[in-house]
Protein backbone atom coordinates (compact mmCIF):
# COMPACT_ATOMS: atom_id res chain seq x y z
CA ILE A 1 10.12 -14.83 7.87
CA LEU A 2 10.52 -11.16 8.63
CA ALA A 3 7.79 -8.78 7.49
CA LEU A 4 8.39 -5.05 7.20
CA THR A 5 5.50 -2.64 7.25
CA THR A 6 5.41 0.97 6.20
CA THR A 7 2.87 3.36 7.67
CA GLU A 8 1.70 5.79 5.03
CA ILE A 9 1.43 9.30 6.34
CA THR A 10 -0.96 11.77 4.79
CA SER A 11 -0.89 15.45 3.93
CA GLY A 12 -2.46 16.13 7.34
CA ASP A 13 0.62 14.69 9.04
CA PHE A 14 2.96 17.26 7.50
CA THR A 15 2.61 20.91 6.64
CA LEU A 16 4.58 22.06 3.61
CA TYR A 17 4.49 25.80 2.98
CA PRO A 18 4.45 28.01 1.06
CA ASN A 19 3.26 26.05 -1.94
CA PRO A 20 3.81 27.42 -4.56
CA ALA A 21 7.23 28.60 -3.38
CA ASN A 22 10.22 30.39 -4.87
CA ASP A 23 13.28 30.27 -2.56
CA VAL A 24 12.61 28.27 0.60
CA VAL A 25 9.95 25.76 1.59
CA THR A 26 9.25 24.87 5.24
CA ILE A 27 8.17 21.41 6.38
CA GLU A 28 6.66 20.77 9.81
CA CYS A 29 5.62 17.47 11.38
CA ARG A 30 2.08 17.43 12.78
CA LYS A 31 1.74 13.79 13.83
CA ASN A 32 3.44 11.87 16.60
CA ILE A 33 6.30 10.88 14.29
CA SER A 34 9.75 10.41 15.74
CA GLY A 35 13.26 9.76 14.58
CA GLU A 36 15.32 10.75 11.60
CA LEU A 37 13.48 11.38 8.35
CA ILE A 38 14.85 11.56 4.83
CA LEU A 39 13.59 14.20 2.43
CA GLU A 40 14.02 13.80 -1.31
CA VAL A 41 13.04 16.13 -4.14
CA PHE A 42 12.25 14.65 -7.56
CA THR A 43 11.58 16.20 -10.94
CA ILE A 44 8.32 15.38 -12.68
CA SER A 45 10.28 12.82 -14.75
CA GLY A 46 11.38 11.01 -11.56
CA MET A 47 15.00 12.16 -11.29
CA LYS A 48 16.16 12.74 -7.70
CA ILE A 49 17.74 16.20 -7.48
CA LYS A 50 17.98 16.84 -3.74
CA GLU A 51 18.25 14.84 -0.51
CA ASP A 52 18.41 15.94 3.12
CA HIS A 53 17.97 14.43 6.59
CA PHE A 54 16.11 15.92 9.54
CA TYR A 55 14.44 14.90 12.78
CA ALA A 56 10.65 14.74 12.98
CA ASP A 57 10.49 17.13 15.92
CA ASP A 58 12.30 19.82 13.92
CA LYS A 59 10.95 22.39 11.51
CA MET A 60 12.92 21.93 8.32
CA GLN A 61 13.62 24.64 5.78
CA VAL A 62 14.67 23.45 2.33
CA ASP A 63 16.50 25.81 -0.02
CA ILE A 64 14.89 25.51 -3.46
CA SER A 65 16.41 28.65 -4.96
CA ASP A 66 18.39 26.50 -7.42
CA LEU A 67 15.25 24.86 -8.87
CA LEU A 68 13.65 26.06 -12.08
CA SER A 69 9.95 26.95 -12.24
CA GLY A 70 7.79 23.86 -12.43
CA MET A 71 6.29 20.97 -10.51
CA TYR A 72 8.37 18.71 -8.25
CA PHE A 73 7.62 15.89 -5.83
CA ILE A 74 8.71 15.97 -2.19
CA LYS A 75 9.11 12.52 -0.62
CA ILE A 76 9.61 12.12 3.13
CA TYR A 77 10.33 8.72 4.64
CA SER A 78 12.23 6.84 7.29
CA GLU A 79 13.76 3.42 7.10
CA GLY A 80 10.72 1.15 6.93
CA LYS A 81 8.42 3.31 9.05
CA TYR A 82 6.87 6.22 7.19
CA SER A 83 6.29 7.29 3.62
CA PHE A 84 4.83 10.57 2.33
CA CYS A 85 4.82 12.28 -1.05
CA GLN A 86 3.46 15.69 -2.03
CA LYS A 87 3.64 17.96 -5.06
CA LEU A 88 5.64 21.17 -4.80
CA PHE A 89 5.23 24.01 -7.25
CA VAL A 90 8.17 26.36 -7.79
CA VAL A 91 7.48 29.77 -9.35
CA ARG A 92 9.97 32.41 -10.41
């Protein structure tokens, strides 16, 4: 039997700014997290509208200029290791 575990990471492990945002949001890793991470953006109804990949040691800038005003969810995870979700508010 193979068991997979996921370590939940908290808002203190990542910095997402500015929030609220209008054109670009920056995400920085604060914890000793390594490897490739997947970033997904979801609407409040749960529809995935954006996906990107980045490495944990990088500062990632996400272009959100195509999003309408409102609340979205940012999910960051890696294959079976980390999982993080935070609200993002877009204002125009």
